[in-house]
Amino acid sequence: MGRPQRKVSLKRLVVVFGWLGLIGFGGGLAVLSLMREDGVEREKWLDDEGFVEAVALGQSLPGVIGTNTATSIGLRLRGWMAGIAGTYLNRFRENRWIQATLNGIASTVPELLLTRALIIGQASVHSVLAGVIAVVAGILLGVVHLSPLYILLGSGAMGLLLG
């Protein structure tokens, strides 16, 4: 249940979290997608359940979710030394020079988020009804700026009534 899938690369862990610290811009939630891709899919350090547990711990602590999650993953995989490495390297992006560089390429963030949203959408939409609900929800969220809570409740109600 959420155990590491294979033994880890204190060195490799430092390289991966260092890379995420450098390129992880767009907020903590944007970096989580990259963390999952590296930690679950590419490196196979954790299964999805272990990653979700690390994210849940990261969200339950005060501070930056990306940094908290990196710390949680490091602790889970290699103990306190890796936890410190994950924390430090994920905070590396707070450096003034790195921030200036990242601000220069920030225009790619919407594309990255849209791409991830489309990937999740493809995996989630299995019928015409679900597709219509997704499009309407997107319009209500993006154009009307309706609260996500109301969108979730309304989408669930529509699925229940029409499904």
C-alpha atoms as a PDB file:
ATOM      1  CA  MET A   1       0.000   0.000   0.000  1.00  0.00           C
ATOM      2  CA  GLY A   2       1.830   3.056  -1.273  1.00  0.00           C
ATOM      3  CA  ARG A   3       5.270   1.492  -0.799  1.00  0.00           C
ATOM      4  CA  PRO A   4       8.240   2.461  -2.965  1.00  0.00           C
ATOM      5  CA  GLN A   5       8.274   0.376  -6.138  1.00  0.00           C
ATOM      6  CA  ARG A   6      12.060   0.126  -6.364  1.00  0.00           C
ATOM      7  CA  LYS A   7      15.192   1.222  -4.542  1.00  0.00           C
ATOM      8  CA  VAL A   8      16.261   4.814  -5.133  1.00  0.00           C
ATOM      9  CA  SER A   9      19.076   7.131  -6.709  1.00  0.00           C
ATOM     10  CA  LEU A  10      20.036   9.377  -3.557  1.00  0.00           C
ATOM     11  CA  LYS A  11      22.031  10.795  -6.430  1.00  0.00           C
ATOM     12  CA  ARG A  12      19.174  10.143  -8.870  1.00  0.00           C
ATOM     13  CA  LEU A  13      16.677  11.643  -6.452  1.00  0.00           C
ATOM     14  CA  VAL A  14      18.802  14.794  -6.206  1.00  0.00           C
ATOM     15  CA  VAL A  15      19.022  15.013 -10.002  1.00  0.00           C
ATOM     16  CA  VAL A  16      15.262  14.595 -10.515  1.00  0.00           C
ATOM     17  CA  PHE A  17      14.234  17.023  -7.755  1.00  0.00           C
ATOM     18  CA  GLY A  18      16.912  19.472  -8.877  1.00  0.00           C
ATOM     19  CA  TRP A  19      15.492  19.359 -12.391  1.00  0.00           C
ATOM     20  CA  LEU A  20      11.955  19.837 -11.098  1.00  0.00           C
ATOM     21  CA  GLY A  21      13.163  22.765  -9.006  1.00  0.00           C
ATOM     22  CA  LEU A  22      14.575  24.383 -12.124  1.00  0.00           C
ATOM     23  CA  ILE A  23      11.678  23.807 -14.495  1.00  0.00           C
ATOM     24  CA  GLY A  24       8.810  23.580 -12.015  1.00  0.00           C
ATOM     25  CA  PHE A  25       7.045  26.846 -12.600  1.00  0.00           C
ATOM     26  CA  GLY A  26       3.379  27.695 -12.766  1.00  0.00           C
ATOM     27  CA  GLY A  27       2.629  26.931  -9.146  1.00  0.00           C
ATOM     28  CA  GLY A  28       2.732  23.881  -6.932  1.00  0.00           C
ATOM     29  CA  LEU A  29      -0.131  22.109  -8.671  1.00  0.00           C
ATOM     30  CA  ALA A  30       1.613  22.393 -12.042  1.00  0.00           C
ATOM     31  CA  VAL A  31       4.793  20.824 -10.670  1.00  0.00           C
ATOM     32  CA  LEU A  32       2.813  17.889  -9.237  1.00  0.00           C
ATOM     33  CA  SER A  33       2.087  16.662 -12.736  1.00  0.00           C
ATOM     34  CA  LEU A  34       5.812  16.661 -13.495  1.00  0.00           C
ATOM     35  CA  MET A  35       6.596  14.963 -10.175  1.00  0.00           C
ATOM     36  CA  ARG A  36       4.130  12.203 -10.921  1.00  0.00           C
ATOM     37  CA  GLU A  37       5.499  11.736 -14.417  1.00  0.00           C
ATOM     38  CA  ASP A  38       9.045  11.381 -13.083  1.00  0.00           C
ATOM     39  CA  GLY A  39       8.366   9.527  -9.837  1.00  0.00           C
ATOM     40  CA  VAL A  40       5.650   7.117 -10.951  1.00  0.00           C
ATOM     41  CA  GLU A  41       5.927   6.683 -14.714  1.00  0.00           C
ATOM     42  CA  ARG A  42       9.597   7.265 -15.563  1.00  0.00           C
ATOM     43  CA  GLU A  43      11.551   6.271 -12.439  1.00  0.00           C
ATOM     44  CA  LYS A  44       8.927   3.887 -11.009  1.00  0.00           C
ATOM     45  CA  TRP A  45       9.833   4.957  -7.469  1.00  0.00           C
ATOM     46  CA  LEU A  46       6.211   4.974  -6.334  1.00  0.00           C
ATOM     47  CA  ASP A  47       2.910   3.599  -7.486  1.00  0.00           C
ATOM     48  CA  ASP A  48      -0.052   5.947  -7.919  1.00  0.00           C
ATOM     49  CA  GLU A  49      -1.279   5.236  -4.404  1.00  0.00           C
ATOM     50  CA  GLY A  50       2.080   6.181  -2.886  1.00  0.00           C
ATOM     51  CA  PHE A  51       2.181   9.366  -4.939  1.00  0.00           C
ATOM     52  CA  VAL A  52      -1.348  10.331  -3.863  1.00  0.00           C
ATOM     53  CA  GLU A  53      -0.355   9.745  -0.231  1.00  0.00           C
ATOM     54  CA  ALA A  54       2.688  12.022  -0.691  1.00  0.00           C
ATOM     55  CA  VAL A  55       0.509  14.725  -2.269  1.00  0.00           C
ATOM     56  CA  ALA A  56      -2.076  14.405   0.522  1.00  0.00           C
ATOM     57  CA  LEU A  57       0.662  14.857   3.104  1.00  0.00           C
ATOM     58  CA  GLY A  58       2.031  17.805   1.132  1.00  0.00           C
ATOM     59  CA  GLN A  59      -1.392  19.464   1.114  1.00  0.00           C
ATOM     60  CA  SER A  60      -1.997  18.880   4.795  1.00  0.00           C
ATOM     61  CA  LEU A  61       1.151  20.740   5.874  1.00  0.00           C
ATOM     62  CA  PRO A  62       1.600  24.505   5.865  1.00  0.00           C
ATOM     63  CA  GLY A  63       3.792  25.768   3.053  1.00  0.00           C
ATOM     64  CA  VAL A  64       4.262  25.236  -0.660  1.00  0.00           C
ATOM     65  CA  ILE A  65       2.580  22.054  -1.883  1.00  0.00           C
ATOM     66  CA  GLY A  66       5.313  21.198  -4.400  1.00  0.00           C
ATOM     67  CA  THR A  67       8.040  21.535  -1.788  1.00  0.00           C
ATOM     68  CA  ASN A  68       6.040  19.627   0.828  1.00  0.00           C
ATOM     69  CA  THR A  69       5.314  16.826  -1.629  1.00  0.00           C
ATOM     70  CA  ALA A  70       8.976  16.626  -2.697  1.00  0.00           C
ATOM     71  CA  THR A  71       9.951  16.387   0.971  1.00  0.00           C
ATOM     72  CA  SER A  72       7.363  13.668   1.583  1.00  0.00           C
ATOM     73  CA  ILE A  73       8.555  11.644  -1.419  1.00  0.00           C
ATOM     74  CA  GLY A  74      12.186  12.007  -0.374  1.00  0.00           C
ATOM     75  CA  LEU A  75      11.408  10.875   3.176  1.00  0.00           C
ATOM     76  CA  ARG A  76       9.419   7.902   1.914  1.00  0.00           C
ATOM     77  CA  LEU A  77      12.112   6.777  -0.505  1.00  0.00           C
ATOM     78  CA  ARG A  78      15.397   7.367   1.306  1.00  0.00           C
ATOM     79  CA  GLY A  79      14.784   8.858   4.728  1.00  0.00           C
ATOM     80  CA  TRP A  80      15.604  12.247   6.196  1.00  0.00           C
ATOM     81  CA  MET A  81      18.614  13.009   3.949  1.00  0.00           C
ATOM     82  CA  ALA A  82      16.487  12.618   0.828  1.00  0.00           C
ATOM     83  CA  GLY A  83      13.694  14.613   2.452  1.00  0.00           C
ATOM     84  CA  ILE A  84      16.101  17.498   2.991  1.00  0.00           C
ATOM     85  CA  ALA A  85      17.403  17.169  -0.588  1.00  0.00           C
ATOM     86  CA  GLY A  86      13.857  17.241  -1.954  1.00  0.00           C
ATOM     87  CA  THR A  87      13.007  20.301   0.110  1.00  0.00           C
ATOM     88  CA  TYR A  88      16.177  22.208  -0.751  1.00  0.00           C
ATOM     89  CA  LEU A  89      16.201  21.447  -4.444  1.00  0.00           C
ATOM     90  CA  ASN A  90      12.523  22.169  -4.904  1.00  0.00           C
ATOM     91  CA  ARG A  91      13.078  25.540  -3.188  1.00  0.00           C
ATOM     92  CA  PHE A  92      15.939  26.221  -5.638  1.00  0.00           C
ATOM     93  CA  ARG A  93      13.402  27.751  -7.968  1.00  0.00           C
ATOM     94  CA  GLU A  94      13.006  30.659  -5.532  1.00  0.00           C
ATOM     95  CA  ASN A  95      16.451  31.929  -6.615  1.00  0.00           C
ATOM     96  CA  ARG A  96      16.245  35.400  -8.189  1.00  0.00           C
ATOM     97  CA  TRP A  97      18.098  34.392 -11.372  1.00  0.00           C
ATOM     98  CA  ILE A  98      16.047  31.277 -11.852  1.00  0.00           C
ATOM     99  CA  GLN A  99      12.841  33.238 -11.302  1.00  0.00           C
ATOM    100  CA  ALA A 100      13.890  35.716 -14.003  1.00  0.00           C
ATOM    101  CA  THR A 101      14.552  32.871 -16.424  1.00  0.00           C
ATOM    102  CA  LEU A 102      11.287  31.143 -15.595  1.00  0.00           C
ATOM    103  CA  ASN A 103       9.333  34.359 -16.010  1.00  0.00           C
ATOM    104  CA  GLY A 104      10.748  34.575 -19.525  1.00  0.00           C
ATOM    105  CA  ILE A 105       9.262  31.227 -20.466  1.00  0.00           C
ATOM    106  CA  ALA A 106       6.063  31.426 -18.420  1.00  0.00           C
ATOM    107  CA  SER A 107       3.942  31.667 -21.560  1.00  0.00           C
ATOM    108  CA  THR A 108       4.245  27.894 -21.934  1.00  0.00           C
ATOM    109  CA  VAL A 109       2.428  27.211 -18.653  1.00  0.00           C
ATOM    110  CA  PRO A 110      -1.104  27.486 -20.109  1.00  0.00           C
ATOM    111  CA  GLU A 111      -0.151  25.070 -22.890  1.00  0.00           C
ATOM    112  CA  LEU A 112       1.265  22.583 -20.382  1.00  0.00           C
ATOM    113  CA  LEU A 113      -1.852  22.793 -18.229  1.00  0.00           C
ATOM    114  CA  LEU A 114      -4.158  22.533 -21.239  1.00  0.00           C
ATOM    115  CA  THR A 115      -2.266  19.494 -22.507  1.00  0.00           C
ATOM    116  CA  ARG A 116      -2.572  17.789 -19.105  1.00  0.00           C
ATOM    117  CA  ALA A 117      -6.263  18.703 -18.950  1.00  0.00           C
ATOM    118  CA  LEU A 118      -6.820  17.145 -22.383  1.00  0.00           C
ATOM    119  CA  ILE A 119      -4.978  13.968 -21.363  1.00  0.00           C
ATOM    120  CA  ILE A 120      -7.081  13.692 -18.200  1.00  0.00           C
ATOM    121  CA  GLY A 121     -10.213  14.494 -20.218  1.00  0.00           C
ATOM    122  CA  GLN A 122      -9.506  11.740 -22.735  1.00  0.00           C
ATOM    123  CA  ALA A 123      -9.151   9.259 -19.911  1.00  0.00           C
ATOM    124  CA  SER A 124     -12.305  10.499 -18.159  1.00  0.00           C
ATOM    125  CA  VAL A 125     -14.834  11.088 -20.945  1.00  0.00           C
ATOM    126  CA  HIS A 126     -16.336   7.778 -22.041  1.00  0.00           C
ATOM    127  CA  SER A 127     -19.658   8.878 -23.552  1.00  0.00           C
ATOM    128  CA  VAL A 128     -21.293  11.703 -25.469  1.00  0.00           C
ATOM    129  CA  LEU A 129     -23.107  12.758 -22.278  1.00  0.00           C
ATOM    130  CA  ALA A 130     -19.838  12.961 -20.371  1.00  0.00           C
ATOM    131  CA  GLY A 131     -18.335  14.982 -23.221  1.00  0.00           C
ATOM    132  CA  VAL A 132     -21.231  17.450 -23.208  1.00  0.00           C
ATOM    133  CA  ILE A 133     -21.007  17.800 -19.416  1.00  0.00           C
ATOM    134  CA  ALA A 134     -17.233  18.408 -19.702  1.00  0.00           C
ATOM    135  CA  VAL A 135     -17.666  21.123 -22.354  1.00  0.00           C
ATOM    136  CA  VAL A 136     -20.441  22.864 -20.413  1.00  0.00           C
ATOM    137  CA  ALA A 137     -18.384  22.641 -17.213  1.00  0.00           C
ATOM    138  CA  GLY A 138     -15.387  24.135 -19.036  1.00  0.00           C
ATOM    139  CA  ILE A 139     -17.478  27.046 -20.289  1.00  0.00           C
ATOM    140  CA  LEU A 140     -19.020  27.662 -16.868  1.00  0.00           C
ATOM    141  CA  LEU A 141     -15.593  27.616 -15.256  1.00  0.00           C
ATOM    142  CA  GLY A 142     -13.617  29.523 -17.885  1.00  0.00           C
ATOM    143  CA  VAL A 143     -16.143  32.024 -19.210  1.00  0.00           C
ATOM    144  CA  VAL A 144     -18.764  32.451 -16.494  1.00  0.00           C
ATOM    145  CA  HIS A 145     -16.235  31.909 -13.645  1.00  0.00           C
ATOM    146  CA  LEU A 146     -18.680  29.797 -11.689  1.00  0.00           C
ATOM    147  CA  SER A 147     -17.281  28.223  -8.528  1.00  0.00           C
ATOM    148  CA  PRO A 148     -15.726  24.778  -9.112  1.00  0.00           C
ATOM    149  CA  LEU A 149     -17.852  23.483  -6.228  1.00  0.00           C
ATOM    150  CA  TYR A 150     -21.070  24.323  -8.102  1.00  0.00           C
ATOM    151  CA  ILE A 151     -19.657  22.861 -11.300  1.00  0.00           C
ATOM    152  CA  LEU A 152     -18.802  19.581  -9.566  1.00  0.00           C
ATOM    153  CA  LEU A 153     -22.202  19.363  -7.889  1.00  0.00           C
ATOM    154  CA  GLY A 154     -24.041  20.244 -11.118  1.00  0.00           C
ATOM    155  CA  SER A 155     -21.985  17.792 -13.181  1.00  0.00           C
ATOM    156  CA  GLY A 156     -22.716  15.013 -10.740  1.00  0.00           C
ATOM    157  CA  ALA A 157     -26.424  15.852 -10.752  1.00  0.00           C
ATOM    158  CA  MET A 158     -26.529  15.922 -14.569  1.00  0.00           C
ATOM    159  CA  GLY A 159     -24.780  12.565 -14.765  1.00  0.00           C
ATOM    160  CA  LEU A 160     -27.211  11.092 -12.251  1.00  0.00           C
ATOM    161  CA  LEU A 161     -30.313  12.515 -13.956  1.00  0.00           C
ATOM    162  CA  LEU A 162     -29.342  11.849 -17.565  1.00  0.00           C
ATOM    163  CA  GLY A 163     -27.068   8.817 -17.173  1.00  0.00           C
END
